[in-house]
Protein backbone atom coordinates (compact mmCIF):
# COMPACT_ATOMS: atom_id res chain seq x y z
CA UNK A 1 -0.32 39.43 -22.08
CA UNK A 2 3.31 39.13 -21.05
CA UNK A 3 5.81 36.54 -22.18
CA UNK A 4 5.56 34.59 -18.91
CA UNK A 5 1.78 34.23 -19.35
CA UNK A 6 2.14 33.12 -22.93
CA UNK A 7 4.74 30.44 -21.99
CA UNK A 8 2.54 29.26 -19.09
CA UNK A 9 -0.37 28.90 -21.53
CA UNK A 10 1.76 26.90 -23.98
CA UNK A 11 3.00 24.60 -21.21
CA UNK A 12 -0.56 23.99 -20.01
CA UNK A 13 -1.73 23.23 -23.55
CA UNK A 14 1.14 20.81 -24.02
CA UNK A 15 0.31 19.08 -20.71
CA UNK A 16 -3.33 18.75 -21.72
CA UNK A 17 -2.39 17.36 -25.11
CA UNK A 18 0.00 14.91 -23.55
CA UNK A 19 -2.66 13.71 -21.04
CA UNK A 20 -5.14 13.27 -23.87
CA UNK A 21 -2.66 11.08 -25.72
CA UNK A 22 -1.79 9.00 -22.70
CA UNK A 23 -3.29 5.52 -22.74
CA UNK A 24 -3.73 2.92 -20.01
CA UNK A 25 -2.89 -0.68 -20.66
CA UNK A 26 -4.17 -3.14 -18.09
CA UNK A 27 -1.96 -6.20 -17.65
CA UNK A 28 -3.04 -9.12 -15.51
CA UNK A 29 -0.54 -11.27 -13.68
CA UNK A 30 0.23 -13.14 -10.45
CA UNK A 31 1.80 -10.55 -8.21
CA UNK A 32 4.95 -11.20 -6.22
CA UNK A 33 8.41 -11.85 -7.60
CA UNK A 34 7.12 -13.16 -10.92
CA UNK A 35 5.20 -9.96 -11.68
CA UNK A 36 8.08 -7.86 -10.50
CA UNK A 37 10.28 -9.70 -13.06
CA UNK A 38 7.80 -8.80 -15.85
CA UNK A 39 7.80 -5.14 -14.73
CA UNK A 40 11.60 -4.97 -14.76
CA UNK A 41 12.15 -6.93 -18.00
CA UNK A 42 9.12 -5.82 -20.07
CA UNK A 43 7.05 -2.81 -19.00
CA UNK A 44 9.73 -0.54 -17.63
CA UNK A 45 11.94 -0.62 -20.76
CA UNK A 46 8.86 -0.40 -23.04
CA UNK A 47 7.59 2.56 -21.08
CA UNK A 48 10.95 4.30 -21.41
CA UNK A 49 10.41 4.19 -25.19
CA UNK A 50 6.63 4.90 -24.94
CA UNK A 51 6.08 7.39 -22.14
CA UNK A 52 2.51 7.88 -23.35
CA UNK A 53 1.56 4.33 -22.14
CA UNK A 54 0.56 3.91 -18.55
CA UNK A 55 0.65 0.29 -17.27
CA UNK A 56 -2.00 -0.77 -14.80
CA UNK A 57 -1.27 -4.13 -13.18
CA UNK A 58 -3.99 -6.43 -11.89
CA UNK A 59 -3.04 -9.53 -9.77
CA UNK A 60 -6.03 -11.67 -10.78
CA UNK A 61 -4.46 -14.31 -12.99
CA UNK A 62 -5.62 -17.14 -10.70
CA UNK A 63 -9.19 -16.04 -11.53
CA UNK A 64 -8.63 -15.23 -15.16
CA UNK A 65 -11.08 -17.75 -16.66
CA UNK A 66 -13.97 -16.73 -14.38
CA UNK A 67 -13.36 -13.04 -14.71
CA UNK A 68 -13.06 -13.10 -18.51
CA UNK A 69 -16.31 -15.06 -18.69
CA UNK A 70 -18.02 -12.47 -16.52
CA UNK A 71 -16.59 -9.61 -18.65
CA UNK A 72 -17.93 -11.24 -21.79
CA UNK A 73 -21.34 -11.75 -20.17
CA UNK A 74 -21.43 -8.07 -19.12
CA UNK A 75 -19.98 -6.92 -22.49
CA UNK A 76 -17.43 -4.93 -20.51
CA UNK A 77 -13.86 -5.95 -21.34
CA UNK A 78 -11.48 -4.02 -19.04
CA UNK A 79 -8.34 -6.17 -19.42
CA UNK A 80 -5.86 -5.80 -22.31
CA UNK A 81 -3.38 -8.63 -21.76
CA UNK A 82 -3.58 -11.60 -19.41
CA UNK A 83 -0.87 -13.85 -18.04
CA UNK A 84 -2.11 -17.40 -17.50
CA UNK A 85 -0.63 -20.83 -17.16
CA UNK A 86 -0.92 -22.99 -20.20
CA UNK A 87 -3.75 -25.15 -18.91
CA UNK A 88 -6.01 -22.14 -18.47
CA UNK A 89 -5.13 -20.94 -21.93
CA UNK A 90 -6.82 -24.03 -23.36
CA UNK A 91 -10.08 -23.21 -21.68
CA UNK A 92 -9.90 -19.53 -22.71
CA UNK A 93 -9.12 -20.47 -26.30
CA UNK A 94 -11.84 -23.15 -26.53
CA UNK A 95 -14.45 -20.75 -25.15
CA UNK A 96 -13.56 -17.97 -27.51
CA UNK A 97 -12.38 -15.71 -24.67
CA UNK A 98 -8.77 -15.47 -26.01
CA UNK A 99 -7.81 -14.24 -29.47
CA UNK A 100 -6.24 -16.65 -31.90
CA UNK A 101 -2.81 -15.52 -33.11
CA UNK A 102 -0.36 -16.18 -35.93
CA UNK A 103 2.96 -16.31 -34.09
CA UNK A 104 5.02 -15.42 -37.10
CA UNK A 105 2.86 -12.37 -37.76
CA UNK A 106 2.49 -11.17 -34.17
CA UNK A 107 5.87 -12.08 -32.59
CA UNK A 108 9.42 -11.02 -33.49
CA UNK A 109 11.74 -13.46 -35.20
CA UNK A 110 14.93 -14.54 -33.47
CA UNK A 111 18.01 -12.43 -34.14
CA UNK A 112 19.24 -14.90 -36.71
CA UNK A 113 15.91 -14.75 -38.62
CA UNK A 114 14.42 -17.96 -37.23
CA UNK A 115 10.63 -17.50 -37.25
CA UNK A 116 8.91 -17.23 -33.91
CA UNK A 117 6.95 -20.43 -34.57
CA UNK A 118 10.19 -22.41 -34.63
CA UNK A 119 11.92 -20.45 -31.93
CA UNK A 120 9.11 -21.08 -29.46
CA UNK A 121 8.43 -24.55 -30.86
CA UNK A 122 6.54 -26.97 -28.58
CA UNK A 123 5.79 -24.16 -26.14
CA UNK A 124 3.15 -22.84 -28.50
CA UNK A 125 0.60 -25.29 -27.04
CA UNK A 126 -2.46 -23.79 -28.75
CA UNK A 127 -3.45 -21.16 -31.25
CA UNK A 128 -4.10 -18.44 -28.57
CA UNK A 129 -1.05 -18.79 -26.35
CA UNK A 130 2.07 -16.60 -26.26
CA UNK A 131 4.60 -18.35 -23.99
CA UNK A 132 7.02 -16.43 -21.74
CA UNK A 133 8.62 -18.89 -19.33
CA UNK A 134 9.18 -22.55 -18.61
CA UNK A 135 8.77 -23.36 -14.96
CA UNK A 136 8.66 -26.62 -13.07
CA UNK A 137 7.14 -28.20 -10.02
CA UNK A 138 9.93 -30.01 -8.22
CA UNK A 139 11.25 -30.78 -4.80
CA UNK A 140 13.44 -29.02 -2.25
CA UNK A 141 14.92 -30.75 0.76
CA UNK A 142 16.72 -29.90 3.99
CA UNK A 143 20.36 -30.75 3.36
CA UNK A 144 21.05 -30.78 7.11
CA UNK A 145 18.59 -33.46 8.13
CA UNK A 146 20.48 -35.40 10.89
CA UNK A 147 18.39 -38.55 10.54
CA UNK A 148 19.66 -39.00 6.97
CA UNK A 149 23.24 -39.65 8.20
CA UNK A 150 24.76 -37.54 5.45
CA UNK A 151 22.73 -39.09 2.61
CA UNK A 152 20.81 -36.79 0.20
CA UNK A 153 17.96 -37.70 -2.14
CA UNK A 154 18.86 -37.93 -5.78
CA UNK A 155 15.79 -39.67 -7.29
CA UNK A 156 12.10 -38.75 -7.23
CA UNK A 157 11.48 -42.16 -5.66
CA UNK A 158 13.49 -41.11 -2.60
CA UNK A 159 10.39 -39.04 -1.72
CA UNK A 160 8.61 -42.35 -1.14
CA UNK A 161 11.48 -43.92 0.82
CA UNK A 162 10.61 -43.25 4.50
CA UNK A 163 13.23 -45.68 5.72
CA UNK A 164 16.26 -44.06 4.09
CA UNK A 165 14.88 -40.50 4.25
CA UNK A 166 12.54 -40.28 7.28
CA UNK A 167 10.60 -37.14 8.04
CA UNK A 168 7.60 -35.15 6.95
CA UNK A 169 6.87 -34.45 3.24
CA UNK A 170 4.98 -31.47 1.76
CA UNK A 171 2.78 -32.17 -1.30
CA UNK A 172 0.25 -30.04 -3.09
CA UNK A 173 -3.35 -30.71 -2.11
CA UNK A 174 -4.41 -31.84 -5.57
CA UNK A 175 -3.71 -34.94 -7.73
CA UNK A 176 -1.79 -33.17 -10.52
CA UNK A 177 1.96 -34.10 -10.39
CA UNK A 178 1.49 -36.26 -7.34
CA UNK A 179 -0.19 -39.11 -9.24
CA UNK A 180 2.45 -38.94 -12.02
CA UNK A 181 5.27 -39.19 -9.45
CA UNK A 182 3.47 -42.02 -7.62
CA UNK A 183 3.02 -44.13 -10.74
CA UNK A 184 6.59 -43.49 -11.83
CA UNK A 185 7.83 -44.79 -8.45
CA UNK A 186 5.45 -47.76 -8.69
CA UNK A 187 7.21 -48.96 -11.76
CA UNK A 188 5.25 -47.31 -14.64
CA UNK A 189 7.38 -46.15 -17.56
CA UNK A 190 7.35 -42.37 -18.04
CA UNK A 191 5.96 -42.69 -21.58
CA UNK A 192 2.99 -44.72 -20.21
CA UNK A 193 2.03 -42.51 -17.33
CA UNK A 194 -0.99 -40.89 -18.88
CA UNK A 195 -2.30 -44.06 -20.54
CA UNK A 196 -2.28 -45.66 -17.11
CA UNK A 197 -3.85 -42.64 -15.41
CA UNK A 198 -6.66 -42.70 -17.97
CA UNK A 199 -7.97 -45.84 -16.25
CA UNK A 200 -9.66 -46.22 -12.87
CA UNK A 201 -7.17 -48.90 -11.97
CA UNK A 202 -4.33 -46.53 -12.79
CA UNK A 203 -5.67 -43.81 -10.51
CA UNK A 204 -6.17 -46.38 -7.75
CA UNK A 205 -2.63 -47.58 -8.24
CA UNK A 206 -1.30 -44.02 -7.88
CA UNK A 207 -3.32 -43.39 -4.70
CA UNK A 208 -2.11 -46.68 -3.22
CA UNK A 209 1.43 -45.55 -3.69
CA UNK A 210 0.65 -42.15 -2.14
CA UNK A 211 -0.93 -44.11 0.75
CA UNK A 212 2.63 -45.21 1.73
CA UNK A 213 3.56 -41.65 2.72
CA UNK A 214 0.11 -40.17 3.46
CA UNK A 215 0.51 -40.05 7.23
CA UNK A 216 3.85 -38.30 6.81
CA UNK A 217 2.55 -35.64 4.42
CA UNK A 218 1.63 -32.01 5.04
CA UNK A 219 -0.71 -30.82 2.20
CA UNK A 220 -0.17 -27.34 0.79
CA UNK A 221 -2.41 -25.06 -1.31
CA UNK A 222 -0.21 -21.98 -1.74
CA UNK A 223 3.26 -22.37 -3.34
CA UNK A 224 4.88 -20.23 -0.65
CA UNK A 225 4.07 -22.79 1.98
CA UNK A 226 6.66 -25.42 1.12
CA UNK A 227 9.72 -23.09 1.36
CA UNK A 228 8.45 -21.83 4.75
CA UNK A 229 7.79 -25.36 6.00
CA UNK A 230 11.33 -26.32 4.94
CA UNK A 231 12.84 -23.27 6.50
CA UNK A 232 10.98 -23.91 9.77
CA UNK A 233 12.07 -27.58 9.74
CA UNK A 234 8.44 -28.77 9.79
CA UNK A 235 9.08 -30.87 6.71
CA UNK A 236 12.34 -32.32 5.32
CA UNK A 237 11.33 -32.56 1.66
CA UNK A 238 8.57 -30.86 -0.29
CA UNK A 239 7.27 -29.93 -3.70
CA UNK A 240 6.64 -26.41 -5.04
CA UNK A 241 7.56 -24.22 -8.01
CA UNK A 242 11.26 -24.03 -8.74
CA UNK A 243 11.32 -20.25 -8.48
CA UNK A 244 10.03 -20.34 -4.91
CA UNK A 245 12.81 -22.75 -3.96
CA UNK A 246 15.40 -20.58 -5.66
CA UNK A 247 14.34 -17.62 -3.56
CA UNK A 248 14.69 -19.67 -0.38
CA UNK A 249 18.11 -20.98 -1.39
CA UNK A 250 19.79 -18.07 -3.09
CA UNK A 251 18.09 -15.04 -1.56
CA UNK A 252 17.17 -16.24 1.95
CA UNK A 253 20.24 -18.56 2.31
CA UNK A 254 18.17 -21.38 3.79
CA UNK A 255 19.87 -24.80 4.13
CA UNK A 256 17.76 -26.20 1.27
CA UNK A 257 18.82 -28.00 -1.84
CA UNK A 258 17.02 -28.85 -5.14
CA UNK A 259 15.92 -32.26 -6.30
CA UNK A 260 15.45 -31.85 -10.03
CA UNK A 261 14.70 -35.46 -10.93
CA UNK A 262 11.29 -35.91 -12.62
CA UNK A 263 10.50 -32.20 -12.32
CA UNK A 264 7.24 -31.43 -14.12
CA UNK A 265 7.60 -28.83 -16.89
CA UNK A 266 4.86 -26.32 -17.54
CA UNK A 267 4.55 -22.94 -19.22
CA UNK A 268 3.29 -19.51 -18.39
CA UNK A 269 2.46 -16.83 -20.89
CA UNK A 270 0.08 -14.28 -22.32
CA UNK A 271 -3.32 -14.41 -23.90
CA UNK A 272 -4.96 -11.43 -25.60
CA UNK A 273 -8.66 -11.21 -24.65
CA UNK A 274 -10.92 -11.62 -27.62
CA UNK A 275 -12.95 -8.53 -28.65
CA UNK A 276 -10.54 -5.71 -27.83
CA UNK A 277 -11.31 -2.42 -29.71
CA UNK A 278 -8.87 -1.85 -32.58
CA UNK A 279 -6.95 0.99 -30.82
CA UNK A 280 -6.36 -1.09 -27.71
CA UNK A 281 -5.54 -4.16 -29.76
CA UNK A 282 -2.91 -2.27 -31.78
CA UNK A 283 -1.29 -1.03 -28.54
CA UNK A 284 -1.24 -4.56 -27.05
CA UNK A 285 0.22 -6.13 -30.19
CA UNK A 286 3.10 -3.68 -30.19
CA UNK A 287 3.84 -4.36 -26.55
CA UNK A 288 3.63 -8.12 -26.93
CA UNK A 289 6.05 -8.13 -29.83
CA UNK A 290 8.53 -6.20 -27.76
CA UNK A 291 7.96 -8.12 -24.51
CA UNK A 292 8.41 -11.56 -26.01
CA UNK A 293 11.45 -10.92 -28.20
CA UNK A 294 14.65 -12.83 -27.60
CA UNK A 295 16.38 -10.25 -25.44
CA UNK A 296 13.40 -9.47 -23.26
CA UNK A 297 12.71 -13.09 -22.37
CA UNK A 298 16.40 -13.52 -21.49
CA UNK A 299 16.30 -10.32 -19.39
CA UNK A 300 13.39 -11.73 -17.32
CA UNK A 301 15.74 -14.49 -16.09
CA UNK A 302 17.81 -11.80 -14.34
CA UNK A 303 15.06 -11.54 -11.79
CA UNK A 304 13.60 -15.02 -11.40
CA UNK A 305 14.80 -18.60 -12.08
CA UNK A 306 12.34 -19.55 -14.77
CA UNK A 307 13.65 -20.52 -18.19
CA UNK A 308 12.84 -18.39 -21.19
CA UNK A 309 10.37 -19.93 -23.64
CA UNK A 310 12.38 -19.10 -26.74
CA UNK A 311 15.35 -21.24 -27.75
CA UNK A 312 17.28 -18.19 -28.85
CA UNK A 313 16.96 -16.56 -25.43
CA UNK A 314 18.68 -19.32 -23.48
CA UNK A 315 22.30 -18.46 -24.48
CA UNK A 316 21.67 -14.88 -23.38
CA UNK A 317 20.71 -15.71 -19.84
CA UNK A 318 23.25 -14.08 -17.60
CA UNK A 319 23.59 -13.10 -13.94
CA UNK A 320 20.95 -12.27 -11.35
CA UNK A 321 20.29 -8.52 -11.33
CA UNK A 322 21.08 -8.07 -7.59
CA UNK A 323 22.73 -11.25 -6.41
CA UNK A 324 25.26 -11.31 -9.21
CA UNK A 325 25.17 -15.14 -9.53
CA UNK A 326 24.96 -16.91 -12.84
CA UNK A 327 21.32 -17.86 -13.42
CA UNK A 328 21.77 -20.67 -15.96
CA UNK A 329 22.45 -23.38 -13.35
CA UNK A 330 19.28 -22.46 -11.50
CA UNK A 331 17.00 -22.83 -14.54
CA UNK A 332 14.75 -25.89 -14.87
CA UNK A 333 15.82 -25.98 -18.55
CA UNK A 334 19.57 -26.17 -17.74
CA UNK A 335 20.89 -29.44 -19.21
CA UNK A 336 22.24 -30.56 -15.87
CA UNK A 337 18.78 -30.11 -14.29
CA UNK A 338 16.63 -31.48 -17.10
CA UNK A 339 18.04 -34.92 -17.60
CA UNK A 340 14.74 -36.49 -16.56
CA UNK A 341 11.61 -34.38 -16.88
CA UNK A 342 7.87 -34.92 -17.12
CA UNK A 343 5.95 -32.69 -19.47
CA UNK A 344 2.62 -31.68 -17.99
CA UNK A 345 -0.08 -33.14 -20.27
CA UNK A 346 -2.54 -30.28 -20.67
CA UNK A 347 -5.01 -32.15 -22.83
CA UNK A 348 -5.12 -35.15 -20.47
CA UNK A 349 -5.86 -33.01 -17.45
CA UNK A 350 -8.44 -30.94 -19.34
CA UNK A 351 -10.31 -34.22 -20.06
CA UNK A 352 -9.81 -36.04 -16.73
CA UNK A 353 -9.25 -33.46 -14.04
CA UNK A 354 -12.76 -33.33 -12.63
CA UNK A 355 -13.02 -37.12 -12.16
CA UNK A 356 -9.51 -37.54 -10.76
CA UNK A 357 -9.93 -34.50 -8.47
CA UNK A 358 -13.06 -35.96 -6.99
CA UNK A 359 -11.37 -39.31 -6.42
CA UNK A 360 -8.28 -37.68 -4.89
CA UNK A 361 -10.29 -35.54 -2.48
CA UNK A 362 -12.34 -38.55 -1.38
CA UNK A 363 -9.08 -40.44 -0.77
CA UNK A 364 -7.61 -37.51 1.12
CA UNK A 365 -10.62 -37.33 3.44
CA UNK A 366 -10.30 -41.00 4.51
């Protein structure tokens, strides 16, 4: 056998060994710009250090609860790490579909040694959740609306003022957020919102307030609808996720501005499916520790205008990766934008959502 044949055999053996060592990690997210921000901030740099890991992305986060239930029933767990909003994490945790974690054991401390449990703080909403970002549902508006005579909305209650700010509104086709805003603008103190909503009279009161703008409202189901409706001039003000509005304003240069007043804060993050085999679990834990450290969460903000969930990450937020603009002023968590916020009450909606949903849809159909 000549030297060339020997070297070819060695190369083939090395390739086979490398393939045998390669491992797939299936991550579940939402697709679009948000998933792209995770790829750029988390998986690409991790893969550069761990070329033996192959990331497989699945865009099924909206169906995470149903699909994990089905996997448990079939005893066939194919997902390794799942991105969910905080409300779904409660259901997954309560049903034993998500693994409970010790944040100070699983997650990296801040650079100054602050334990993860303190660095994440209130964002650790239950014992299974690993937060990544703070996002908000808020309003965008057409800054060039001629009928407004140069005025611009500055308060959430301007959404309900058809005399001063005439034109079509866009609201999500569900009660969440809408009923909170309605009660706030009907005189209920922010601290009392959920106590009032816990009563039939409170829900009726919220729907009565929404009645005042119902015939001027376009109802959306997908978050991308509001920016498009605003861009097309079909509505003059509408709610959606702040990142969607940022894209319309900063990337697409639409004549839209943000109304941050009474934005509703929520969180998005990871859960680890319960029951992973030890080898896959070890791989996932190593990635999660890396992907949720202070620098990585700050890096994600280069690609999308969602605030990092760690306190230590906020000072590291810099410029957009391609636009070159400072991202801090576009974050829902920026002090100038978060003077008046509503914190989404996960436990309230877990207890009351079915009843209020039914009442809301019946009202909508009238």
